[in-house]
Amino acid sequence: MSGVKLNNTTNWNKKVAHFGKLRNHFNKNVPDSELRNNWYFPRWEDDAIWKKHWERGDNKKAYASPEAFRDWCYQKLEQQQQTWVDCNPSQGWCEICTRGKSWD
């Protein structure tokens, strides 16, 4: 494997691990019990789910691509870390970024 390819793979693995920990922490600790029981934050690397989610509602108009949408959601998740009390499945960034478990 070339140095560039190895570096890209290492960076990818680090991102997946970092965002995976953040996502798991959110899914287990978000204070709203309805959100915790019925909604979830999709895996960062799940391109198919982010594409489906991006195609719902106005997401396609607001974000250039599923990747841009995903990255915005994970940026919000990082910014709000530990203060998810304002996370509501019917308004704000949580409504936009989380998925209903029944959708899958």
C-alpha atoms as a PDB file:
ATOM      1  CA  MET A   1       0.000   0.000   0.000  1.00  0.00           C
ATOM      2  CA  SER A   2       1.371   3.413  -0.893  1.00  0.00           C
ATOM      3  CA  GLY A   3       2.052   6.061   1.742  1.00  0.00           C
ATOM      4  CA  VAL A   4      -0.796   8.305   0.555  1.00  0.00           C
ATOM      5  CA  LYS A   5      -3.292   5.443   0.526  1.00  0.00           C
ATOM      6  CA  LEU A   6      -2.178   4.294   3.969  1.00  0.00           C
ATOM      7  CA  ASN A   7      -2.464   7.853   5.315  1.00  0.00           C
ATOM      8  CA  ASN A   8      -5.979   8.223   3.836  1.00  0.00           C
ATOM      9  CA  THR A   9      -7.025   4.892   5.353  1.00  0.00           C
ATOM     10  CA  THR A  10      -5.605   5.887   8.736  1.00  0.00           C
ATOM     11  CA  ASN A  11      -7.420   9.256   8.630  1.00  0.00           C
ATOM     12  CA  TRP A  12     -10.673   7.517   7.620  1.00  0.00           C
ATOM     13  CA  ASN A  13     -10.369   5.020  10.476  1.00  0.00           C
ATOM     14  CA  LYS A  14      -9.679   7.818  12.972  1.00  0.00           C
ATOM     15  CA  LYS A  15     -12.757   9.746  11.805  1.00  0.00           C
ATOM     16  CA  VAL A  16     -14.965   6.651  11.984  1.00  0.00           C
ATOM     17  CA  ALA A  17     -13.714   5.865  15.505  1.00  0.00           C
ATOM     18  CA  HIS A  18     -14.070   9.471  16.730  1.00  0.00           C
ATOM     19  CA  PHE A  19     -17.543   9.992  15.311  1.00  0.00           C
ATOM     20  CA  GLY A  20     -18.604   6.512  16.409  1.00  0.00           C
ATOM     21  CA  LYS A  21     -17.787   7.322  20.047  1.00  0.00           C
ATOM     22  CA  LEU A  22     -19.561  10.664  19.799  1.00  0.00           C
ATOM     23  CA  ARG A  23     -22.640   9.084  18.215  1.00  0.00           C
ATOM     24  CA  ASN A  24     -22.814   6.261  20.751  1.00  0.00           C
ATOM     25  CA  HIS A  25     -22.480   8.732  23.613  1.00  0.00           C
ATOM     26  CA  PHE A  26     -25.298  10.840  22.155  1.00  0.00           C
ATOM     27  CA  ASN A  27     -27.593   7.875  21.488  1.00  0.00           C
ATOM     28  CA  LYS A  28     -27.162   6.626  25.073  1.00  0.00           C
ATOM     29  CA  ASN A  29     -27.185   9.946  26.936  1.00  0.00           C
ATOM     30  CA  VAL A  30     -29.515  12.363  25.209  1.00  0.00           C
ATOM     31  CA  PRO A  31     -31.846  13.548  27.996  1.00  0.00           C
ATOM     32  CA  ASP A  32     -35.125  13.367  26.078  1.00  0.00           C
ATOM     33  CA  SER A  33     -36.488   9.833  26.614  1.00  0.00           C
ATOM     34  CA  GLU A  34     -38.669   9.956  23.474  1.00  0.00           C
ATOM     35  CA  LEU A  35     -35.624  10.850  21.432  1.00  0.00           C
ATOM     36  CA  ARG A  36     -33.500   8.176  23.089  1.00  0.00           C
ATOM     37  CA  ASN A  37     -36.145   5.459  22.608  1.00  0.00           C
ATOM     38  CA  ASN A  38     -37.457   6.297  19.133  1.00  0.00           C
ATOM     39  CA  TRP A  39     -34.739   8.237  17.321  1.00  0.00           C
ATOM     40  CA  TYR A  40     -31.032   7.821  16.659  1.00  0.00           C
ATOM     41  CA  PHE A  41     -28.052   9.580  15.144  1.00  0.00           C
ATOM     42  CA  PRO A  42     -26.898   7.655  12.028  1.00  0.00           C
ATOM     43  CA  ARG A  43     -23.369   6.283  11.759  1.00  0.00           C
ATOM     44  CA  TRP A  44     -21.030   8.793  10.121  1.00  0.00           C
ATOM     45  CA  GLU A  45     -19.827   6.265   7.543  1.00  0.00           C
ATOM     46  CA  ASP A  46     -23.319   5.014   6.536  1.00  0.00           C
ATOM     47  CA  ASP A  47     -23.544   6.769   3.172  1.00  0.00           C
ATOM     48  CA  ALA A  48     -26.813   5.060   2.179  1.00  0.00           C
ATOM     49  CA  ILE A  49     -28.655   6.236   5.311  1.00  0.00           C
ATOM     50  CA  TRP A  50     -27.315   9.790   5.022  1.00  0.00           C
ATOM     51  CA  LYS A  51     -28.386   9.896   1.358  1.00  0.00           C
ATOM     52  CA  LYS A  52     -31.919   8.739   2.263  1.00  0.00           C
ATOM     53  CA  HIS A  53     -32.040  11.207   5.134  1.00  0.00           C
ATOM     54  CA  TRP A  54     -30.724  14.048   2.949  1.00  0.00           C
ATOM     55  CA  GLU A  55     -33.496  13.375   0.419  1.00  0.00           C
ATOM     56  CA  ARG A  56     -36.226  13.883   3.067  1.00  0.00           C
ATOM     57  CA  GLY A  57     -37.909  17.251   3.502  1.00  0.00           C
ATOM     58  CA  ASP A  58     -35.899  20.367   2.745  1.00  0.00           C
ATOM     59  CA  ASN A  59     -32.482  18.867   3.424  1.00  0.00           C
ATOM     60  CA  LYS A  60     -31.740  18.622  -0.296  1.00  0.00           C
ATOM     61  CA  LYS A  61     -32.386  22.339  -0.721  1.00  0.00           C
ATOM     62  CA  ALA A  62     -30.329  23.342   2.306  1.00  0.00           C
ATOM     63  CA  TYR A  63     -27.232  21.131   1.789  1.00  0.00           C
ATOM     64  CA  ALA A  64     -25.284  20.552  -1.428  1.00  0.00           C
ATOM     65  CA  SER A  65     -24.798  16.810  -0.884  1.00  0.00           C
ATOM     66  CA  PRO A  66     -25.464  14.001   1.606  1.00  0.00           C
ATOM     67  CA  GLU A  67     -21.854  14.366   2.775  1.00  0.00           C
ATOM     68  CA  ALA A  68     -22.287  18.115   3.416  1.00  0.00           C
ATOM     69  CA  PHE A  69     -25.472  17.370   5.355  1.00  0.00           C
ATOM     70  CA  ARG A  70     -23.783  14.615   7.382  1.00  0.00           C
ATOM     71  CA  ASP A  71     -20.775  16.804   8.151  1.00  0.00           C
ATOM     72  CA  TRP A  72     -23.042  19.668   9.297  1.00  0.00           C
ATOM     73  CA  CYS A  73     -24.953  17.298  11.591  1.00  0.00           C
ATOM     74  CA  TYR A  74     -21.775  15.907  13.118  1.00  0.00           C
ATOM     75  CA  GLN A  75     -20.411  19.433  13.545  1.00  0.00           C
ATOM     76  CA  LYS A  76     -23.578  20.294  15.504  1.00  0.00           C
ATOM     77  CA  LEU A  77     -23.233  17.112  17.531  1.00  0.00           C
ATOM     78  CA  GLU A  78     -19.648  18.043  18.449  1.00  0.00           C
ATOM     79  CA  GLN A  79     -20.579  21.642  19.303  1.00  0.00           C
ATOM     80  CA  GLN A  80     -23.471  20.554  21.514  1.00  0.00           C
ATOM     81  CA  GLN A  81     -21.542  17.764  23.227  1.00  0.00           C
ATOM     82  CA  GLN A  82     -22.604  17.305  26.857  1.00  0.00           C
ATOM     83  CA  THR A  83     -25.387  19.916  26.530  1.00  0.00           C
ATOM     84  CA  TRP A  84     -28.034  18.034  24.626  1.00  0.00           C
ATOM     85  CA  VAL A  85     -30.843  19.336  26.829  1.00  0.00           C
ATOM     86  CA  ASP A  86     -32.083  21.446  23.910  1.00  0.00           C
ATOM     87  CA  CYS A  87     -32.153  18.422  21.623  1.00  0.00           C
ATOM     88  CA  ASN A  88     -35.751  17.982  20.536  1.00  0.00           C
ATOM     89  CA  PRO A  89     -36.976  15.527  17.864  1.00  0.00           C
ATOM     90  CA  SER A  90     -39.587  18.036  16.688  1.00  0.00           C
ATOM     91  CA  GLN A  91     -37.496  21.181  16.258  1.00  0.00           C
ATOM     92  CA  GLY A  92     -33.971  22.453  15.701  1.00  0.00           C
ATOM     93  CA  TRP A  93     -30.842  20.579  14.687  1.00  0.00           C
ATOM     94  CA  CYS A  94     -31.912  17.359  16.428  1.00  0.00           C
ATOM     95  CA  GLU A  95     -35.059  17.163  14.331  1.00  0.00           C
ATOM     96  CA  ILE A  96     -32.986  17.666  11.197  1.00  0.00           C
ATOM     97  CA  CYS A  97     -30.151  15.265  12.025  1.00  0.00           C
ATOM     98  CA  THR A  98     -31.736  12.357  13.895  1.00  0.00           C
ATOM     99  CA  ARG A  99     -33.648   9.542  12.221  1.00  0.00           C
ATOM    100  CA  GLY A 100     -36.718   7.753  13.445  1.00  0.00           C
ATOM    101  CA  LYS A 101     -36.014   4.092  14.185  1.00  0.00           C
ATOM    102  CA  SER A 102     -39.224   3.207  12.341  1.00  0.00           C
ATOM    103  CA  TRP A 103     -37.837   4.667   9.079  1.00  0.00           C
ATOM    104  CA  ASP A 104     -35.303   1.873   8.609  1.00  0.00           C
END
